[in-house]
Structure formats: C-alpha cells, structure tokens
C-alpha cells in the first residue's frame, strides 16, 4: 500500500505566545490572542495535511508572515511601554504641564516648584477630578505634570501661559522653549507672541516666575511695567499667591489671578472693569515638529 509521504516542516507551538499574553491586561492581549489563534490553525492544518500538493515552501512562507506580524506587534508593545505619553493632556498640539485654580488656598508657586510630585502618573490620575484636565472644570488641586521635572528643553518649541474665565482664554503669552528650563522660560527675552500688543516692546520692572514678595504679599508670574507704590503700579499679569498689599489686588480668595483685560498695559488701581480675575491659569508646551512622542528616543 502506498503511504503518503509526510512533509518535513518546522512546527511552531502557540504556547510561548500564551505565556507572553499572561503578562498583559486583556485589552493589550487582543493582538496576541489573534496571533495565537492563527498559529493554532496553522499548526492544526500542517499536522493534518495529507496532500502532496501542499508544498514546504507554502507553509514556510505562511509561518514567516506570522513571525513577522508577531515581531511588529511586540515592537509596538515595547515602544509603548518605554515611552508612555498616553497620560499627558493635549489640546490643539499643546501639552498641559501645569493648571492653577484660583481660591484653593495653596500657593501656585509652591505647587510649581514641588519637585517629585506629578498628577499625570496613572495612580494619581485615578483619584483626580476630571475637571483638572480641562480649563473650565472644577479641580481640587494645582495640576502638575512630570514634564516640569524632566523639562525636555532640547525637544521644546514653544511654551504658553494663558488665563481663563469660564473655560474661555482671556489672555496669553507664548515663549521660545528650546534651551530653556522650567523657571527661565518665563522671561521678556524669550517672549515671541502675546494677546497684549505692547508687552514685547515695553520696558518691564518685573517679568519672571519668582516675582515680588514683601510683607506677606507674594506676586508670582509677575509681569509689571511700573512698580513702586499702589497708585502707580502698571502691569499685565499678577498670579497673587498671598497677601493684599494694594487695594487693586484685594481678593477674598487666594491665589488670585489678576490680569489686564485690555490689549495693553493697565494701571492696576484705576483700571476698573479692565482689571480681570481669572478662574484658571495654565502652562502648555509644544514640541518641535521633528519630535515624535511615540518614539522611545531621539534619533
């Protein structure tokens, strides 16, 4: 009796794939489940094949395609694990690195400089109100990203500070980010654009994050043209963490985000309705176009 010759072929067991899958959550395992199923079918078909027309080359090609697909999936998984940017908050190409909320009672400056604390870690985010991820939501903290600690200056294009009322942007400043650190980016010489038309061309008595402090008053992210007595104070922005040295900055709650609602500098004391108090202040960064956040490293 003629016996059908058995084809000599390499047999790939799906067991290693199953072992890999046990390390991942079910959502992450979907590609591996698919590939395991495919591998099992190929194994079954190869073992039960009796026709001599099923060539060694055909099965080798199919197994090679399966190996290549598995390698691509594994590469994507490793890349995601190495550079996990999914927990950052992004809007219109800008990534949120800080969000301050008026009236919390805790200083913005202290939160900004609180090295080692991050609200964009997975377990921290799990207990954070969703309002902290928006400019119009209720938040119980000053949101701080881990990017403040790493501050990838070589990858940054721009840094933006903006103030909001009811989620609407009321004023902003944009700075050059390349080569900066998390403190000195906020300076007149790095300013490239602003909603205040005269800000770039004007002289400044203060233009820095540390700002002014005296007798229990702390003005952070302070942008002032004239400073030297309450009636003569002119400026654009004052993130007031504490104190009420002058009538124009008096607020029942701290911190208070005082800003010029005009397109120019104002005299703080006589500005009247043109002196605004924002709900939220936020700092955003934009990466250079050549930067791919899904890469594990920079080529």
Protein backbone atom coordinates (compact mmCIF):
# COMPACT_ATOMS: atom_id res chain seq x y z
CA UNK A 1 0.00 0.00 0.00
CA UNK A 2 1.30 3.37 -0.97
CA UNK A 3 1.81 5.65 2.04
CA UNK A 4 1.51 9.37 1.54
CA UNK A 5 4.88 10.92 2.36
CA UNK A 6 4.92 13.24 5.36
CA UNK A 7 6.19 16.73 4.70
CA UNK A 8 9.16 17.82 6.75
CA UNK A 9 8.46 21.18 8.30
CA UNK A 10 9.18 23.30 11.35
CA UNK A 11 6.33 23.29 13.85
CA UNK A 12 5.74 26.41 15.95
CA UNK A 13 3.83 25.90 19.14
CA UNK A 14 1.45 28.66 20.26
CA UNK A 15 2.40 28.06 23.90
CA UNK A 16 5.11 30.79 24.04
CA UNK A 17 2.55 33.26 22.75
CA UNK A 18 0.20 32.33 25.57
CA UNK A 19 2.98 32.84 28.09
CA UNK A 20 3.63 36.30 26.68
CA UNK A 21 -0.04 37.16 26.92
CA UNK A 22 -0.27 36.43 30.62
CA UNK A 23 1.90 39.45 31.31
CA UNK A 24 -0.61 41.90 29.82
CA UNK A 25 -4.10 43.13 30.51
CA UNK A 26 -6.90 41.72 28.36
CA UNK A 27 -7.04 44.84 26.19
CA UNK A 28 -3.33 44.56 25.49
CA UNK A 29 -3.67 40.83 24.76
CA UNK A 30 -6.06 41.15 21.83
CA UNK A 31 -3.31 41.11 19.16
CA UNK A 32 -1.69 38.12 20.85
CA UNK A 33 -5.00 36.24 21.09
CA UNK A 34 -5.49 36.76 17.37
CA UNK A 35 -1.98 35.59 16.55
CA UNK A 36 -2.27 32.59 18.88
CA UNK A 37 -5.49 31.56 17.16
CA UNK A 38 -3.82 31.89 13.78
CA UNK A 39 -0.84 29.90 14.97
CA UNK A 40 -3.09 27.13 16.28
CA UNK A 41 -4.92 26.92 12.96
CA UNK A 42 -1.66 26.73 11.06
CA UNK A 43 -0.39 24.03 13.40
CA UNK A 44 -3.59 22.00 13.02
CA UNK A 45 -3.57 22.37 9.26
CA UNK A 46 0.08 21.42 8.98
CA UNK A 47 -0.37 18.30 11.12
CA UNK A 48 -3.48 17.12 9.26
CA UNK A 49 -2.26 17.88 5.76
CA UNK A 50 -2.02 14.74 3.63
CA UNK A 51 -1.95 16.14 0.13
CA UNK A 52 1.46 16.21 -1.52
CA UNK A 53 0.41 19.39 -3.31
CA UNK A 54 0.81 21.36 -0.07
CA UNK A 55 4.40 22.35 -0.54
CA UNK A 56 7.04 23.01 2.07
CA UNK A 57 7.60 26.46 0.57
CA UNK A 58 3.98 27.49 1.05
CA UNK A 59 3.92 26.61 4.73
CA UNK A 60 7.29 28.18 5.33
CA UNK A 61 6.02 31.43 3.79
CA UNK A 62 2.89 31.44 5.95
CA UNK A 63 4.87 30.80 9.11
CA UNK A 64 7.32 33.52 8.14
CA UNK A 65 4.48 36.02 7.70
CA UNK A 66 3.11 35.05 11.10
CA UNK A 67 6.52 35.55 12.72
CA UNK A 68 6.89 38.97 11.07
CA UNK A 69 3.47 40.08 12.26
CA UNK A 70 4.20 38.95 15.79
CA UNK A 71 7.50 40.84 15.73
CA UNK A 72 5.73 44.06 14.67
CA UNK A 73 3.15 43.74 17.44
CA UNK A 74 5.83 43.05 20.04
CA UNK A 75 7.86 46.04 18.82
CA UNK A 76 4.87 48.34 19.22
CA UNK A 77 4.19 46.96 22.70
CA UNK A 78 7.78 47.53 23.83
CA UNK A 79 7.77 51.03 22.34
CA UNK A 80 4.55 51.89 24.18
CA UNK A 81 5.97 50.62 27.46
CA UNK A 82 9.18 52.61 27.02
CA UNK A 83 7.58 55.94 26.06
CA UNK A 84 4.12 56.10 27.54
CA UNK A 85 2.71 59.51 26.63
CA UNK A 86 -0.93 58.46 26.78
CA UNK A 87 -1.43 60.00 30.21
CA UNK A 88 -0.50 63.54 29.15
CA UNK A 89 -3.25 66.08 28.50
CA UNK A 90 -3.10 67.51 24.99
CA UNK A 91 -5.18 70.16 23.23
CA UNK A 92 -4.59 71.53 19.73
CA UNK A 93 -1.00 70.32 19.72
CA UNK A 94 -0.20 71.77 23.16
CA UNK A 95 0.60 69.52 26.16
CA UNK A 96 -0.55 70.71 29.59
CA UNK A 97 2.25 70.90 32.17
CA UNK A 98 0.50 72.99 34.83
CA UNK A 99 -3.01 74.14 35.70
CA UNK A 100 -3.61 76.52 38.60
CA UNK A 101 -7.01 77.03 40.21
CA UNK A 102 -7.99 80.28 41.92
CA UNK A 103 -9.15 80.22 45.52
CA UNK A 104 -7.69 76.87 46.57
CA UNK A 105 -5.77 78.40 49.46
CA UNK A 106 -2.49 76.77 48.42
CA UNK A 107 0.20 78.77 46.58
CA UNK A 108 0.74 78.28 42.86
CA UNK A 109 4.48 78.81 43.22
CA UNK A 110 4.79 76.04 45.81
CA UNK A 111 2.97 73.62 43.51
CA UNK A 112 5.07 74.69 40.51
CA UNK A 113 8.34 74.02 42.35
CA UNK A 114 7.18 70.84 44.13
CA UNK A 115 9.76 68.54 42.57
CA UNK A 116 8.81 64.87 42.56
CA UNK A 117 5.03 65.38 42.69
CA UNK A 118 3.13 64.59 39.48
CA UNK A 119 -0.57 64.45 38.66
CA UNK A 120 -0.06 62.67 35.33
CA UNK A 121 1.01 59.34 36.81
CA UNK A 122 -1.60 56.62 36.37
CA UNK A 123 -2.42 56.08 40.04
CA UNK A 124 -2.51 59.81 40.84
CA UNK A 125 -4.85 60.44 37.91
CA UNK A 126 -7.17 57.73 39.23
CA UNK A 127 -8.07 59.95 42.21
CA UNK A 128 -8.07 63.27 40.35
CA UNK A 129 -11.31 65.03 39.31
CA UNK A 130 -11.78 65.15 35.54
CA UNK A 131 -12.18 68.92 35.82
CA UNK A 132 -8.43 69.16 36.39
CA UNK A 133 -7.88 68.07 32.79
CA UNK A 134 -9.92 70.97 31.37
CA UNK A 135 -9.81 74.75 31.54
CA UNK A 136 -13.48 75.01 32.53
CA UNK A 137 -13.82 72.26 35.13
CA UNK A 138 -13.74 72.15 38.90
CA UNK A 139 -10.42 70.98 40.34
CA UNK A 140 -9.25 70.33 43.89
CA UNK A 141 -5.55 70.91 43.23
CA UNK A 142 -2.98 72.70 41.10
CA UNK A 143 -2.31 70.13 38.37
CA UNK A 144 1.41 69.43 37.89
CA UNK A 145 2.90 67.29 35.12
CA UNK A 146 6.13 65.29 35.44
CA UNK A 147 7.38 67.28 32.44
CA UNK A 148 8.18 70.09 34.88
CA UNK A 149 10.83 67.87 36.45
CA UNK A 150 12.27 66.49 33.22
CA UNK A 151 11.67 69.69 31.16
CA UNK A 152 12.83 68.38 27.75
CA UNK A 153 14.25 71.72 26.57
CA UNK A 154 16.01 70.27 23.51
CA UNK A 155 12.67 68.94 22.26
CA UNK A 156 10.56 72.01 23.06
CA UNK A 157 9.45 74.54 20.50
CA UNK A 158 7.16 76.86 22.46
CA UNK A 159 5.81 77.39 25.98
CA UNK A 160 2.48 79.13 26.55
CA UNK A 161 0.87 80.68 29.62
CA UNK A 162 -2.81 81.57 29.43
CA UNK A 163 -5.57 82.66 31.81
CA UNK A 164 -9.20 81.57 31.51
CA UNK A 165 -12.65 82.59 32.68
CA UNK A 166 -15.40 80.02 32.29
CA UNK A 167 -13.08 77.97 30.10
CA UNK A 168 -12.55 80.85 27.67
CA UNK A 169 -8.99 82.03 27.09
CA UNK A 170 -8.75 85.70 28.06
CA UNK A 171 -5.04 86.45 27.68
CA UNK A 172 -1.90 84.57 26.72
CA UNK A 173 1.86 84.73 26.24
CA UNK A 174 3.99 82.42 24.08
CA UNK A 175 7.71 81.92 24.66
CA UNK A 176 10.62 80.14 22.99
CA UNK A 177 11.11 76.82 24.74
CA UNK A 178 14.30 75.50 23.14
CA UNK A 179 17.24 75.66 25.54
CA UNK A 180 15.15 76.85 28.49
CA UNK A 181 14.50 75.37 31.92
CA UNK A 182 11.27 75.21 33.90
CA UNK A 183 11.99 78.59 35.53
CA UNK A 184 13.73 80.83 32.97
CA UNK A 185 11.39 80.22 30.03
CA UNK A 186 9.12 82.88 31.53
CA UNK A 187 11.14 85.97 30.63
CA UNK A 188 10.90 89.01 28.38
CA UNK A 189 13.79 87.96 26.15
CA UNK A 190 12.03 84.66 25.29
CA UNK A 191 8.64 86.22 24.56
CA UNK A 192 7.57 85.75 20.93
CA UNK A 193 3.83 86.48 20.97
CA UNK A 194 1.10 87.79 23.28
CA UNK A 195 -2.52 88.91 23.33
CA UNK A 196 -1.17 92.12 24.94
CA UNK A 197 0.03 94.09 21.93
CA UNK A 198 2.50 96.29 23.79
CA UNK A 199 4.03 93.62 26.02
CA UNK A 200 7.02 92.76 23.86
CA UNK A 201 8.01 96.35 23.10
CA UNK A 202 7.55 97.76 26.62
CA UNK A 203 10.02 98.02 29.47
CA UNK A 204 9.40 95.76 32.46
CA UNK A 205 10.16 96.19 36.12
CA UNK A 206 9.26 92.53 36.74
CA UNK A 207 8.96 89.66 34.28
CA UNK A 208 9.67 86.35 36.00
CA UNK A 209 8.11 83.46 37.88
CA UNK A 210 9.56 84.30 41.30
CA UNK A 211 8.16 87.82 41.07
CA UNK A 212 7.74 90.17 44.02
CA UNK A 213 7.45 89.37 47.72
CA UNK A 214 7.22 91.72 50.70
CA UNK A 215 5.35 91.84 54.00
CA UNK A 216 3.39 88.66 53.34
CA UNK A 217 2.44 89.50 49.76
CA UNK A 218 3.63 87.16 47.01
CA UNK A 219 3.12 88.07 43.36
CA UNK A 220 4.24 85.19 41.13
CA UNK A 221 4.44 85.04 37.34
CA UNK A 222 4.51 88.78 37.78
CA UNK A 223 4.64 90.97 34.68
CA UNK A 224 4.85 94.64 35.63
CA UNK A 225 5.80 97.84 33.83
CA UNK A 226 5.95 100.18 36.82
CA UNK A 227 6.28 99.05 40.41
CA UNK A 228 6.67 101.44 43.28
CA UNK A 229 3.51 102.34 45.14
CA UNK A 230 -0.05 101.10 44.70
CA UNK A 231 -1.43 104.08 42.72
CA UNK A 232 1.49 103.92 40.28
CA UNK A 233 1.52 100.17 39.65
CA UNK A 234 1.07 99.35 35.97
CA UNK A 235 1.19 95.87 34.52
CA UNK A 236 -0.29 92.93 32.67
CA UNK A 237 -0.33 89.88 34.97
CA UNK A 238 -0.12 89.01 38.67
CA UNK A 239 -0.56 85.47 39.99
CA UNK A 240 -1.05 86.51 43.60
CA UNK A 241 -0.39 83.65 45.99
CA UNK A 242 -0.94 85.54 49.24
CA UNK A 243 -1.38 88.99 50.78
CA UNK A 244 -3.18 92.20 49.84
CA UNK A 245 -0.57 94.93 49.78
CA UNK A 246 -2.63 97.08 47.44
CA UNK A 247 -6.38 97.65 47.05
CA UNK A 248 -6.26 96.66 43.38
CA UNK A 249 -5.21 93.07 44.15
CA UNK A 250 -7.57 92.53 47.08
CA UNK A 251 -9.45 89.26 46.80
CA UNK A 252 -11.41 87.16 49.25
CA UNK A 253 -9.62 84.06 48.00
CA UNK A 254 -6.03 83.13 47.27
CA UNK A 255 -4.45 82.50 44.91
CA UNK A 256 -5.94 85.21 42.72
CA UNK A 257 -5.12 85.52 39.02
CA UNK A 258 -5.18 89.24 38.26
CA UNK A 259 -4.75 90.28 34.63
CA UNK A 260 -5.28 93.13 32.20
CA UNK A 261 -8.49 92.65 30.21
CA UNK A 262 -7.28 95.30 27.79
CA UNK A 263 -4.96 94.60 24.87
CA UNK A 264 -2.34 96.74 26.58
CA UNK A 265 -0.84 97.52 29.97
CA UNK A 266 -3.20 98.99 32.57
CA UNK A 267 -2.86 100.99 35.73
CA UNK A 268 -3.95 98.38 38.23
CA UNK A 269 -5.60 100.79 40.64
CA UNK A 270 -7.61 102.90 38.19
CA UNK A 271 -8.40 100.21 35.58
CA UNK A 272 -11.86 99.44 36.95
CA UNK A 273 -13.60 96.80 34.84
CA UNK A 274 -10.48 96.31 32.72
CA UNK A 275 -8.84 94.60 35.68
CA UNK A 276 -9.83 90.94 35.48
CA UNK A 277 -9.74 87.98 37.87
CA UNK A 278 -9.36 84.65 36.06
CA UNK A 279 -10.59 81.23 37.23
CA UNK A 280 -7.70 79.21 35.82
CA UNK A 281 -4.13 79.76 34.71
CA UNK A 282 -2.42 77.12 32.61
CA UNK A 283 1.02 76.48 31.17
CA UNK A 284 1.35 74.44 27.98
CA UNK A 285 4.31 73.21 25.94
CA UNK A 286 4.56 72.44 22.25
CA UNK A 287 7.21 70.06 20.94
CA UNK A 288 9.30 70.68 17.85
CA UNK A 289 7.77 69.21 14.65
CA UNK A 290 10.59 66.67 14.34
CA UNK A 291 9.84 65.21 17.78
CA UNK A 292 7.80 62.00 17.75
CA UNK A 293 6.34 61.32 21.19
CA UNK A 294 5.74 57.69 20.26
CA UNK A 295 9.46 57.05 19.89
CA UNK A 296 11.48 55.69 22.77
CA UNK A 297 14.39 58.00 21.97
CA UNK A 298 15.50 60.88 19.76
CA UNK A 299 17.43 59.84 16.62
